[in-house]
Amino acid sequence: MSPPVLVLFDLDDVLVGYDHARRLATLAERTGTTPKAAHRALFTAGVEKAADQGVLDIPGTLAALSKELGAAVTLDDWIAARSDAMSARPEVLALAKAAADVAGVAILTNNGLLLRDHLEQMHPPLFPLFRGRVFCSAQFGRSKPDPAIYRECVAALGVSPGDALFIDDKVANANGARAAGLRAHHYTGSSSLRSALITHRLLEQTA
């Protein structure tokens, strides 16, 4: 089997660590509210879900979040909170860079346009590797594990499903990719990811 020509990575808890509590704490601190109120505005009220589905654009997301929170939320506030929630995973990034010597690499994440358009500002270590190659559920109007999102994403990159390898920490999302015709790996850590990349001939076996 030939190596894939594209490796498609999930973002949170694969390429970066994600700390939900830290995100809420930062948003609360910057808006003079509380983490409980931030959670209610983002998730209970459905602002995050609407943004992830593409129902809300960037101005609409900030306006809806401000309304639900009862405090003005600026673009800088949103970026700071999301940035604080992400932590570097240098070992995974090193594997992504090594795979990029053999295949194209890109990101597919269930997120809104705010993250897609400002990820480089939020987490610079991912760039320039993924510049211009960050895709999110909002732009497709559908989310993982819907098989259609994987097919639409690889088509946007000019790749056939069978020539792409998808990596995600959620079993359901990996299975959705397989249903779409992609190869897939359920991420459980950098060691298993390295083994998967070797299996798919994207890395050489080392002693």
N, C-alpha and C. Protein backbone atom coordinates (compact mmCIF):
# COMPACT_ATOMS: atom_id res chain seq x y z
N MET A 1 0.84 -1.19 0.00
CA MET A 1 0.00 0.00 0.00
C MET A 1 0.88 1.25 0.00
N SER A 2 0.57 2.16 -0.88
CA SER A 2 1.37 3.38 -0.97
C SER A 2 1.03 4.30 0.20
N PRO A 3 1.95 5.18 0.58
CA PRO A 3 1.66 6.09 1.68
C PRO A 3 0.57 7.08 1.28
N PRO A 4 -0.19 7.58 2.25
CA PRO A 4 -1.19 8.60 1.94
C PRO A 4 -0.52 9.87 1.43
N VAL A 5 -1.25 10.63 0.63
CA VAL A 5 -0.70 11.90 0.15
C VAL A 5 -1.14 13.06 1.03
N LEU A 6 -2.02 12.77 2.00
CA LEU A 6 -2.49 13.79 2.93
C LEU A 6 -2.67 13.18 4.31
N VAL A 7 -2.20 13.88 5.34
CA VAL A 7 -2.48 13.51 6.72
C VAL A 7 -3.32 14.63 7.32
N LEU A 8 -4.52 14.29 7.74
CA LEU A 8 -5.49 15.25 8.26
C LEU A 8 -5.59 15.07 9.77
N PHE A 9 -5.21 16.11 10.51
CA PHE A 9 -5.16 16.04 11.96
C PHE A 9 -6.34 16.74 12.61
N ASP A 10 -6.89 16.14 13.66
CA ASP A 10 -7.76 16.87 14.58
C ASP A 10 -6.88 17.85 15.35
N LEU A 11 -7.51 18.87 15.94
CA LEU A 11 -6.75 19.88 16.67
C LEU A 11 -6.69 19.57 18.17
N ASP A 12 -7.81 19.78 18.87
CA ASP A 12 -7.82 19.66 20.33
C ASP A 12 -7.59 18.23 20.79
N ASP A 13 -6.66 18.10 21.72
CA ASP A 13 -6.28 16.82 22.32
C ASP A 13 -5.59 15.88 21.34
N VAL A 14 -5.14 16.45 20.21
CA VAL A 14 -4.23 15.74 19.30
C VAL A 14 -3.01 16.63 19.07
N LEU A 15 -3.15 17.64 18.25
CA LEU A 15 -2.03 18.55 18.00
C LEU A 15 -1.73 19.45 19.20
N VAL A 16 -2.78 19.78 19.95
CA VAL A 16 -2.61 20.60 21.15
C VAL A 16 -3.42 19.98 22.29
N GLY A 17 -2.98 20.24 23.52
CA GLY A 17 -3.81 19.91 24.66
C GLY A 17 -4.90 20.96 24.81
N TYR A 18 -6.02 20.56 25.38
CA TYR A 18 -7.13 21.51 25.54
C TYR A 18 -7.63 21.46 26.97
N ASP A 19 -7.69 22.66 27.61
CA ASP A 19 -8.12 22.78 29.01
C ASP A 19 -9.38 23.63 29.05
N HIS A 20 -10.52 22.96 29.14
CA HIS A 20 -11.81 23.65 29.10
C HIS A 20 -11.97 24.62 30.26
N ALA A 21 -11.57 24.21 31.46
CA ALA A 21 -11.72 25.06 32.63
C ALA A 21 -10.89 26.33 32.50
N ARG A 22 -9.70 26.20 31.93
CA ARG A 22 -8.84 27.37 31.75
C ARG A 22 -9.46 28.36 30.78
N ARG A 23 -10.09 27.85 29.74
CA ARG A 23 -10.76 28.74 28.79
C ARG A 23 -11.85 29.55 29.46
N LEU A 24 -12.68 28.89 30.27
CA LEU A 24 -13.76 29.57 30.95
C LEU A 24 -13.23 30.60 31.96
N ALA A 25 -12.17 30.24 32.66
CA ALA A 25 -11.59 31.14 33.65
C ALA A 25 -11.06 32.41 33.00
N THR A 26 -10.39 32.26 31.87
CA THR A 26 -9.83 33.43 31.19
C THR A 26 -10.94 34.32 30.64
N LEU A 27 -11.95 33.71 30.03
CA LEU A 27 -13.05 34.50 29.51
C LEU A 27 -13.77 35.24 30.63
N ALA A 28 -13.97 34.58 31.75
CA ALA A 28 -14.62 35.22 32.89
C ALA A 28 -13.79 36.38 33.44
N GLU A 29 -12.48 36.16 33.55
CA GLU A 29 -11.60 37.21 34.07
C GLU A 29 -11.61 38.44 33.17
N ARG A 30 -11.60 38.22 31.87
CA ARG A 30 -11.52 39.35 30.93
C ARG A 30 -12.85 40.09 30.80
N THR A 31 -13.95 39.46 31.14
CA THR A 31 -15.25 40.10 30.98
C THR A 31 -15.90 40.47 32.32
N GLY A 32 -15.21 40.21 33.41
CA GLY A 32 -15.74 40.56 34.72
C GLY A 32 -16.94 39.73 35.12
N THR A 33 -16.94 38.47 34.64
CA THR A 33 -18.06 37.58 34.98
C THR A 33 -17.51 36.38 35.76
N THR A 34 -18.13 35.23 35.63
CA THR A 34 -17.68 34.03 36.34
C THR A 34 -17.53 32.87 35.35
N PRO A 35 -16.72 31.88 35.68
CA PRO A 35 -16.62 30.71 34.81
C PRO A 35 -17.97 30.03 34.58
N LYS A 36 -18.81 30.01 35.62
CA LYS A 36 -20.14 29.40 35.47
C LYS A 36 -20.96 30.16 34.45
N ALA A 37 -20.89 31.48 34.50
CA ALA A 37 -21.63 32.30 33.53
C ALA A 37 -21.06 32.11 32.13
N ALA A 38 -19.75 32.00 32.02
CA ALA A 38 -19.12 31.80 30.72
C ALA A 38 -19.55 30.45 30.13
N HIS A 39 -19.60 29.42 30.95
CA HIS A 39 -20.04 28.11 30.47
C HIS A 39 -21.49 28.17 30.01
N ARG A 40 -22.32 28.83 30.78
CA ARG A 40 -23.73 28.93 30.43
C ARG A 40 -23.90 29.66 29.09
N ALA A 41 -23.16 30.73 28.89
CA ALA A 41 -23.28 31.50 27.65
C ALA A 41 -22.76 30.73 26.45
N LEU A 42 -21.62 30.10 26.61
CA LEU A 42 -21.01 29.38 25.49
C LEU A 42 -21.76 28.10 25.15
N PHE A 43 -22.12 27.34 26.16
CA PHE A 43 -22.57 25.98 25.91
C PHE A 43 -24.05 25.75 26.21
N THR A 44 -24.52 26.15 27.38
CA THR A 44 -25.94 25.95 27.70
C THR A 44 -26.82 26.73 26.74
N ALA A 45 -26.44 27.96 26.43
CA ALA A 45 -27.22 28.79 25.51
C ALA A 45 -26.99 28.43 24.05
N GLY A 46 -25.98 27.62 23.78
CA GLY A 46 -25.78 27.11 22.43
C GLY A 46 -24.98 27.99 21.49
N VAL A 47 -24.29 29.01 22.01
CA VAL A 47 -23.52 29.89 21.13
C VAL A 47 -22.38 29.13 20.46
N GLU A 48 -21.66 28.34 21.22
CA GLU A 48 -20.54 27.59 20.64
C GLU A 48 -21.02 26.61 19.58
N LYS A 49 -22.11 25.93 19.86
CA LYS A 49 -22.64 24.96 18.90
C LYS A 49 -23.08 25.65 17.61
N ALA A 50 -23.75 26.78 17.73
CA ALA A 50 -24.18 27.52 16.54
C ALA A 50 -22.99 28.00 15.72
N ALA A 51 -21.94 28.42 16.40
CA ALA A 51 -20.73 28.85 15.69
C ALA A 51 -20.07 27.67 15.00
N ASP A 52 -19.99 26.54 15.69
CA ASP A 52 -19.36 25.35 15.12
C ASP A 52 -20.12 24.84 13.90
N GLN A 53 -21.42 25.05 13.89
CA GLN A 53 -22.25 24.58 12.78
C GLN A 53 -22.30 25.57 11.62
N GLY A 54 -21.68 26.74 11.81
CA GLY A 54 -21.68 27.74 10.75
C GLY A 54 -22.92 28.61 10.73
N VAL A 55 -23.77 28.49 11.75
CA VAL A 55 -24.97 29.32 11.84
C VAL A 55 -24.59 30.76 12.17
N LEU A 56 -23.55 30.93 12.98
CA LEU A 56 -23.07 32.25 13.36
C LEU A 56 -21.71 32.52 12.72
N ASP A 57 -21.57 33.69 12.07
CA ASP A 57 -20.27 34.10 11.57
C ASP A 57 -19.48 34.73 12.71
N ILE A 58 -18.34 35.32 12.42
CA ILE A 58 -17.49 35.85 13.49
C ILE A 58 -18.17 37.00 14.24
N PRO A 59 -18.67 38.05 13.56
CA PRO A 59 -19.37 39.10 14.32
C PRO A 59 -20.59 38.57 15.06
N GLY A 60 -21.30 37.64 14.43
CA GLY A 60 -22.49 37.08 15.06
C GLY A 60 -22.16 36.28 16.30
N THR A 61 -21.05 35.57 16.28
CA THR A 61 -20.62 34.79 17.44
C THR A 61 -20.31 35.70 18.61
N LEU A 62 -19.55 36.75 18.36
CA LEU A 62 -19.18 37.68 19.43
C LEU A 62 -20.40 38.41 19.97
N ALA A 63 -21.32 38.78 19.08
CA ALA A 63 -22.53 39.48 19.52
C ALA A 63 -23.42 38.57 20.36
N ALA A 64 -23.58 37.32 19.91
CA ALA A 64 -24.42 36.38 20.65
C ALA A 64 -23.82 36.05 22.01
N LEU A 65 -22.51 35.89 22.04
CA LEU A 65 -21.84 35.58 23.31
C LEU A 65 -21.95 36.75 24.27
N SER A 66 -21.78 37.96 23.76
CA SER A 66 -21.91 39.16 24.60
C SER A 66 -23.32 39.26 25.18
N LYS A 67 -24.31 38.99 24.35
CA LYS A 67 -25.71 39.06 24.80
C LYS A 67 -25.98 38.03 25.89
N GLU A 68 -25.55 36.80 25.66
CA GLU A 68 -25.82 35.73 26.63
C GLU A 68 -25.04 35.93 27.93
N LEU A 69 -23.84 36.48 27.82
CA LEU A 69 -23.00 36.67 29.00
C LEU A 69 -23.38 37.93 29.76
N GLY A 70 -24.02 38.87 29.07
CA GLY A 70 -24.37 40.13 29.71
C GLY A 70 -23.18 41.04 29.89
N ALA A 71 -22.16 40.84 29.04
CA ALA A 71 -20.93 41.65 29.08
C ALA A 71 -20.31 41.62 27.70
N ALA A 72 -19.68 42.73 27.33
CA ALA A 72 -19.07 42.81 26.01
C ALA A 72 -17.92 41.82 25.89
N VAL A 73 -17.93 41.04 24.82
CA VAL A 73 -16.84 40.10 24.52
C VAL A 73 -16.20 40.55 23.22
N THR A 74 -14.94 40.95 23.29
CA THR A 74 -14.24 41.41 22.10
C THR A 74 -13.54 40.23 21.42
N LEU A 75 -13.08 40.49 20.20
CA LEU A 75 -12.30 39.48 19.49
C LEU A 75 -11.06 39.10 20.31
N ASP A 76 -10.41 40.08 20.90
CA ASP A 76 -9.22 39.80 21.71
C ASP A 76 -9.56 38.94 22.93
N ASP A 77 -10.73 39.16 23.52
CA ASP A 77 -11.15 38.34 24.66
C ASP A 77 -11.31 36.89 24.23
N TRP A 78 -11.99 36.69 23.12
CA TRP A 78 -12.24 35.32 22.65
C TRP A 78 -10.93 34.62 22.32
N ILE A 79 -10.05 35.32 21.62
CA ILE A 79 -8.76 34.74 21.25
C ILE A 79 -7.94 34.40 22.49
N ALA A 80 -7.91 35.31 23.46
CA ALA A 80 -7.13 35.06 24.68
C ALA A 80 -7.63 33.84 25.43
N ALA A 81 -8.95 33.71 25.54
CA ALA A 81 -9.51 32.57 26.27
C ALA A 81 -9.22 31.26 25.55
N ARG A 82 -9.39 31.25 24.25
CA ARG A 82 -9.14 30.02 23.49
C ARG A 82 -7.65 29.69 23.49
N SER A 83 -6.82 30.71 23.40
CA SER A 83 -5.37 30.51 23.41
C SER A 83 -4.91 29.93 24.73
N ASP A 84 -5.43 30.47 25.83
CA ASP A 84 -5.04 29.98 27.15
C ASP A 84 -5.44 28.52 27.36
N ALA A 85 -6.47 28.08 26.64
CA ALA A 85 -6.94 26.71 26.80
C ALA A 85 -6.06 25.69 26.08
N MET A 86 -5.20 26.17 25.19
CA MET A 86 -4.38 25.26 24.38
C MET A 86 -2.95 25.20 24.89
N SER A 87 -2.42 24.01 24.95
CA SER A 87 -1.04 23.81 25.37
C SER A 87 -0.28 23.04 24.29
N ALA A 88 0.99 23.33 24.17
CA ALA A 88 1.81 22.74 23.12
C ALA A 88 2.02 21.25 23.35
N ARG A 89 2.09 20.51 22.26
CA ARG A 89 2.48 19.10 22.28
C ARG A 89 3.62 18.93 21.28
N PRO A 90 4.82 19.30 21.70
CA PRO A 90 5.95 19.32 20.77
C PRO A 90 6.25 17.98 20.13
N GLU A 91 5.98 16.88 20.86
CA GLU A 91 6.27 15.56 20.29
C GLU A 91 5.32 15.24 19.14
N VAL A 92 4.07 15.67 19.25
CA VAL A 92 3.11 15.44 18.16
C VAL A 92 3.42 16.35 16.99
N LEU A 93 3.75 17.60 17.29
CA LEU A 93 4.08 18.54 16.22
C LEU A 93 5.31 18.06 15.46
N ALA A 94 6.28 17.49 16.16
CA ALA A 94 7.47 16.95 15.50
C ALA A 94 7.10 15.82 14.55
N LEU A 95 6.15 14.98 14.95
CA LEU A 95 5.70 13.90 14.08
C LEU A 95 4.96 14.45 12.87
N ALA A 96 4.16 15.49 13.08
CA ALA A 96 3.45 16.11 11.95
C ALA A 96 4.45 16.71 10.96
N LYS A 97 5.49 17.34 11.46
CA LYS A 97 6.50 17.92 10.58
C LYS A 97 7.25 16.83 9.82
N ALA A 98 7.51 15.71 10.47
CA ALA A 98 8.18 14.61 9.79
C ALA A 98 7.28 14.02 8.71
N ALA A 99 6.00 13.87 9.01
CA ALA A 99 5.06 13.35 8.02
C ALA A 99 4.94 14.29 6.83
N ALA A 100 5.10 15.59 7.09
CA ALA A 100 5.00 16.59 6.02
C ALA A 100 6.14 16.49 5.01
N ASP A 101 7.18 15.75 5.35
CA ASP A 101 8.25 15.51 4.38
C ASP A 101 7.81 14.52 3.30
N VAL A 102 6.74 13.77 3.59
CA VAL A 102 6.27 12.74 2.66
C VAL A 102 4.91 13.08 2.07
N ALA A 103 4.06 13.72 2.87
CA ALA A 103 2.68 13.99 2.46
C ALA A 103 2.28 15.41 2.86
N GLY A 104 1.18 15.89 2.30
CA GLY A 104 0.62 17.14 2.75
C GLY A 104 -0.01 16.95 4.13
N VAL A 105 -0.10 18.02 4.89
CA VAL A 105 -0.75 17.96 6.19
C VAL A 105 -1.78 19.08 6.28
N ALA A 106 -2.84 18.83 7.05
CA ALA A 106 -3.89 19.82 7.25
C ALA A 106 -4.61 19.51 8.55
N ILE A 107 -5.46 20.43 8.98
CA ILE A 107 -6.25 20.29 10.21
C ILE A 107 -7.73 20.29 9.84
N LEU A 108 -8.49 19.38 10.46
CA LEU A 108 -9.95 19.39 10.39
C LEU A 108 -10.49 19.32 11.80
N THR A 109 -11.18 20.38 12.24
CA THR A 109 -11.64 20.48 13.61
C THR A 109 -13.10 20.89 13.66
N ASN A 110 -13.82 20.38 14.64
CA ASN A 110 -15.19 20.83 14.90
C ASN A 110 -15.12 22.15 15.65
N ASN A 111 -15.10 23.23 14.91
CA ASN A 111 -14.97 24.56 15.50
C ASN A 111 -15.56 25.60 14.55
N GLY A 112 -15.66 26.82 15.06
CA GLY A 112 -16.21 27.92 14.28
C GLY A 112 -15.15 28.67 13.50
N LEU A 113 -15.61 29.68 12.77
CA LEU A 113 -14.72 30.46 11.93
C LEU A 113 -13.73 31.30 12.73
N LEU A 114 -14.09 31.65 13.96
CA LEU A 114 -13.15 32.40 14.80
C LEU A 114 -11.86 31.62 14.99
N LEU A 115 -11.98 30.36 15.26
CA LEU A 115 -10.77 29.56 15.47
C LEU A 115 -10.01 29.38 14.16
N ARG A 116 -10.73 29.06 13.09
CA ARG A 116 -10.05 28.84 11.80
C ARG A 116 -9.25 30.08 11.40
N ASP A 117 -9.86 31.24 11.51
CA ASP A 117 -9.24 32.46 10.99
C ASP A 117 -8.18 33.04 11.92
N HIS A 118 -8.17 32.62 13.19
CA HIS A 118 -7.24 33.24 14.14
C HIS A 118 -6.36 32.21 14.86
N LEU A 119 -6.32 30.98 14.35
CA LEU A 119 -5.53 29.95 15.03
C LEU A 119 -4.04 30.29 15.06
N GLU A 120 -3.54 30.90 14.03
CA GLU A 120 -2.11 31.24 14.02
C GLU A 120 -1.77 32.20 15.14
N GLN A 121 -2.66 33.13 15.43
CA GLN A 121 -2.45 34.06 16.54
C GLN A 121 -2.58 33.35 17.89
N MET A 122 -3.49 32.38 17.95
CA MET A 122 -3.75 31.68 19.21
C MET A 122 -2.67 30.66 19.56
N HIS A 123 -2.14 30.00 18.54
CA HIS A 123 -1.14 28.95 18.82
C HIS A 123 -0.08 28.96 17.71
N PRO A 124 0.86 29.90 17.77
CA PRO A 124 1.87 30.06 16.72
C PRO A 124 2.70 28.83 16.41
N PRO A 125 2.98 27.91 17.38
CA PRO A 125 3.84 26.77 17.03
C PRO A 125 3.32 25.91 15.88
N LEU A 126 2.02 25.97 15.60
CA LEU A 126 1.46 25.16 14.51
C LEU A 126 1.78 25.72 13.12
N PHE A 127 2.36 26.89 13.10
CA PHE A 127 2.61 27.57 11.83
C PHE A 127 4.10 27.86 11.66
N PRO A 128 4.55 27.87 10.40
CA PRO A 128 3.81 27.90 9.13
C PRO A 128 3.35 26.54 8.61
N LEU A 129 3.55 25.47 9.37
CA LEU A 129 3.25 24.13 8.86
C LEU A 129 1.81 24.02 8.34
N PHE A 130 0.86 24.59 9.08
CA PHE A 130 -0.55 24.43 8.70
C PHE A 130 -1.16 25.70 8.10
N ARG A 131 -0.31 26.63 7.70
CA ARG A 131 -0.85 27.89 7.16
C ARG A 131 -1.67 27.62 5.89
N GLY A 132 -2.90 28.16 5.87
CA GLY A 132 -3.77 27.98 4.73
C GLY A 132 -4.37 26.58 4.64
N ARG A 133 -4.19 25.78 5.68
CA ARG A 133 -4.64 24.39 5.64
C ARG A 133 -5.38 24.01 6.93
N VAL A 134 -6.14 24.99 7.46
CA VAL A 134 -6.96 24.77 8.64
C VAL A 134 -8.42 24.80 8.20
N PHE A 135 -9.13 23.69 8.43
CA PHE A 135 -10.52 23.56 8.02
C PHE A 135 -11.37 23.28 9.26
N CYS A 136 -12.58 23.84 9.26
CA CYS A 136 -13.44 23.68 10.43
C CYS A 136 -14.86 23.30 10.02
N SER A 137 -15.59 22.77 10.98
CA SER A 137 -16.96 22.33 10.71
C SER A 137 -17.84 23.46 10.22
N ALA A 138 -17.61 24.68 10.72
CA ALA A 138 -18.48 25.80 10.35
C ALA A 138 -18.48 26.06 8.85
N GLN A 139 -17.35 25.91 8.20
CA GLN A 139 -17.29 26.21 6.77
C GLN A 139 -17.99 25.17 5.93
N PHE A 140 -18.18 23.99 6.48
CA PHE A 140 -18.86 22.93 5.74
C PHE A 140 -20.33 22.79 6.15
N GLY A 141 -20.71 23.42 7.26
CA GLY A 141 -22.08 23.30 7.74
C GLY A 141 -22.42 21.92 8.26
N ARG A 142 -21.42 21.18 8.66
CA ARG A 142 -21.60 19.84 9.21
C ARG A 142 -20.39 19.52 10.08
N SER A 143 -20.53 18.53 10.94
CA SER A 143 -19.48 18.23 11.91
C SER A 143 -19.04 16.78 11.82
N LYS A 144 -17.82 16.51 12.27
CA LYS A 144 -17.40 15.14 12.50
C LYS A 144 -18.32 14.54 13.55
N PRO A 145 -18.77 13.31 13.41
CA PRO A 145 -18.28 12.26 12.50
C PRO A 145 -19.10 12.07 11.23
N ASP A 146 -19.87 13.05 10.79
CA ASP A 146 -20.61 12.95 9.54
C ASP A 146 -19.63 12.62 8.41
N PRO A 147 -19.77 11.51 7.73
CA PRO A 147 -18.81 11.15 6.67
C PRO A 147 -18.65 12.22 5.60
N ALA A 148 -19.68 13.02 5.38
CA ALA A 148 -19.62 14.02 4.31
C ALA A 148 -18.56 15.08 4.58
N ILE A 149 -18.31 15.41 5.85
CA ILE A 149 -17.34 16.47 6.13
C ILE A 149 -15.92 16.07 5.73
N TYR A 150 -15.60 14.79 5.89
CA TYR A 150 -14.27 14.32 5.52
C TYR A 150 -14.11 14.35 3.99
N ARG A 151 -15.15 13.90 3.28
CA ARG A 151 -15.08 13.90 1.82
C ARG A 151 -14.96 15.32 1.29
N GLU A 152 -15.72 16.26 1.88
CA GLU A 152 -15.67 17.64 1.41
C GLU A 152 -14.33 18.29 1.73
N CYS A 153 -13.77 17.95 2.88
CA CYS A 153 -12.48 18.53 3.26
C CYS A 153 -11.36 18.05 2.35
N VAL A 154 -11.29 16.74 2.11
CA VAL A 154 -10.20 16.25 1.26
C VAL A 154 -10.40 16.72 -0.18
N ALA A 155 -11.65 16.87 -0.62
CA ALA A 155 -11.90 17.39 -1.96
C ALA A 155 -11.39 18.82 -2.08
N ALA A 156 -11.56 19.61 -1.03
CA ALA A 156 -11.07 20.99 -1.04
C ALA A 156 -9.55 21.03 -1.14
N LEU A 157 -8.91 19.95 -0.71
CA LEU A 157 -7.45 19.86 -0.78
C LEU A 157 -6.99 19.10 -2.02
N GLY A 158 -7.93 18.71 -2.87
CA GLY A 158 -7.59 18.04 -4.12
C GLY A 158 -7.11 16.62 -3.95
N VAL A 159 -7.61 15.93 -2.91
CA VAL A 159 -7.15 14.58 -2.59
C VAL A 159 -8.34 13.63 -2.57
N SER A 160 -8.15 12.42 -3.06
CA SER A 160 -9.19 11.39 -2.98
C SER A 160 -9.24 10.83 -1.57
N PRO A 161 -10.42 10.45 -1.07
CA PRO A 161 -10.53 9.93 0.30
C PRO A 161 -9.55 8.81 0.62
N GLY A 162 -9.38 7.87 -0.31
CA GLY A 162 -8.50 6.74 -0.05
C GLY A 162 -7.03 7.10 0.05
N ASP A 163 -6.69 8.32 -0.35
CA ASP A 163 -5.30 8.77 -0.29
C ASP A 163 -5.02 9.63 0.94
N ALA A 164 -5.99 9.70 1.86
CA ALA A 164 -5.84 10.53 3.05
C ALA A 164 -5.88 9.69 4.32
N LEU A 165 -5.10 10.10 5.30
CA LEU A 165 -5.08 9.49 6.63
C LEU A 165 -5.60 10.52 7.61
N PHE A 166 -6.62 10.16 8.40
CA PHE A 166 -7.20 11.07 9.38
C PHE A 166 -6.85 10.60 10.79
N ILE A 167 -6.54 11.57 11.67
CA ILE A 167 -6.12 11.26 13.04
C ILE A 167 -6.98 12.05 14.01
N ASP A 168 -7.62 11.35 14.96
CA ASP A 168 -8.50 12.01 15.91
C ASP A 168 -8.48 11.24 17.23
N ASP A 169 -8.68 11.96 18.34
CA ASP A 169 -8.69 11.30 19.65
C ASP A 169 -10.03 10.67 19.97
N LYS A 170 -11.06 10.93 19.18
CA LYS A 170 -12.39 10.35 19.42
C LYS A 170 -12.61 9.19 18.45
N VAL A 171 -12.98 8.04 19.01
CA VAL A 171 -13.20 6.84 18.19
C VAL A 171 -14.28 7.10 17.14
N ALA A 172 -15.36 7.77 17.53
CA ALA A 172 -16.45 8.02 16.59
C ALA A 172 -15.98 8.83 15.39
N ASN A 173 -15.10 9.78 15.62
CA ASN A 173 -14.61 10.61 14.51
C ASN A 173 -13.70 9.82 13.59
N ALA A 174 -12.89 8.94 14.15
CA ALA A 174 -12.06 8.07 13.32
C ALA A 174 -12.94 7.13 12.50
N ASN A 175 -13.98 6.61 13.11
CA ASN A 175 -14.89 5.73 12.39
C ASN A 175 -15.64 6.46 11.29
N GLY A 176 -15.99 7.72 11.54
CA GLY A 176 -16.64 8.52 10.51
C GLY A 176 -15.75 8.71 9.30
N ALA A 177 -14.46 8.91 9.57
CA ALA A 177 -13.51 9.05 8.47
C ALA A 177 -13.42 7.76 7.66
N ARG A 178 -13.38 6.63 8.34
CA ARG A 178 -13.33 5.35 7.64
C ARG A 178 -14.57 5.15 6.79
N ALA A 179 -15.73 5.56 7.33
CA ALA A 179 -16.98 5.43 6.57
C ALA A 179 -16.95 6.29 5.31
N ALA A 180 -16.17 7.36 5.35
CA ALA A 180 -16.04 8.25 4.19
C ALA A 180 -14.99 7.76 3.19
N GLY A 181 -14.30 6.67 3.55
CA GLY A 181 -13.31 6.11 2.65
C GLY A 181 -11.88 6.48 2.95
N LEU A 182 -11.65 7.23 4.04
CA LEU A 182 -10.30 7.60 4.42
C LEU A 182 -9.67 6.49 5.26
N ARG A 183 -8.38 6.46 5.34
CA ARG A 183 -7.70 5.68 6.35
C ARG A 183 -7.80 6.49 7.65
N ALA A 184 -7.74 5.84 8.79
CA ALA A 184 -7.91 6.57 10.04
C ALA A 184 -7.12 5.94 11.16
N HIS A 185 -6.74 6.79 12.11
CA HIS A 185 -6.03 6.34 13.31
C HIS A 185 -6.67 7.00 14.51
N HIS A 186 -7.04 6.19 15.51
CA HIS A 186 -7.55 6.72 16.77
C HIS A 186 -6.37 7.09 17.64
N TYR A 187 -6.19 8.38 17.89
CA TYR A 187 -5.04 8.88 18.64
C TYR A 187 -5.19 8.59 20.12
N THR A 188 -4.20 7.95 20.69
CA THR A 188 -4.16 7.71 22.13
C THR A 188 -2.85 8.19 22.76
N GLY A 189 -1.97 8.72 21.95
CA GLY A 189 -0.69 9.22 22.44
C GLY A 189 0.33 9.29 21.33
N SER A 190 1.43 9.96 21.59
CA SER A 190 2.42 10.17 20.54
C SER A 190 3.10 8.87 20.12
N SER A 191 3.23 7.92 21.05
CA SER A 191 3.89 6.65 20.71
C SER A 191 3.07 5.87 19.69
N SER A 192 1.75 5.78 19.94
CA SER A 192 0.91 5.05 18.99
C SER A 192 0.80 5.80 17.67
N LEU A 193 0.85 7.12 17.72
CA LEU A 193 0.81 7.90 16.48
C LEU A 193 2.07 7.64 15.66
N ARG A 194 3.21 7.60 16.33
CA ARG A 194 4.45 7.29 15.61
C ARG A 194 4.34 5.93 14.92
N SER A 195 3.82 4.95 15.65
CA SER A 195 3.67 3.61 15.06
C SER A 195 2.75 3.63 13.86
N ALA A 196 1.66 4.40 13.96
CA ALA A 196 0.72 4.48 12.84
C ALA A 196 1.36 5.13 11.63
N LEU A 197 2.15 6.17 11.85
CA LEU A 197 2.82 6.84 10.73
C LEU A 197 3.85 5.92 10.08
N ILE A 198 4.50 5.10 10.89
CA ILE A 198 5.43 4.11 10.32
C ILE A 198 4.66 3.09 9.49
N THR A 199 3.54 2.60 10.03
CA THR A 199 2.72 1.63 9.32
C THR A 199 2.26 2.16 7.96
N HIS A 200 1.94 3.44 7.94
CA HIS A 200 1.46 4.06 6.70
C HIS A 200 2.61 4.60 5.83
N ARG A 201 3.83 4.23 6.21
CA ARG A 201 5.03 4.57 5.41
C ARG A 201 5.28 6.07 5.32
N LEU A 202 4.93 6.76 6.40
CA LEU A 202 5.18 8.19 6.48
C LEU A 202 6.40 8.51 7.32
N LEU A 203 6.85 7.52 8.08
CA LEU A 203 8.08 7.62 8.87
C LEU A 203 8.85 6.33 8.69
N GLU A 204 10.15 6.42 8.86
CA GLU A 204 10.97 5.21 8.80
C GLU A 204 11.08 4.60 10.19
N GLN A 205 11.11 3.30 10.24
CA GLN A 205 11.33 2.59 11.50
C GLN A 205 12.73 2.90 12.02
N THR A 206 12.82 3.26 13.29
CA THR A 206 14.13 3.51 13.89
C THR A 206 14.40 2.48 14.97
N ALA A 207 15.64 2.24 15.20
CA ALA A 207 16.03 1.23 16.20
C ALA A 207 15.71 1.70 17.59
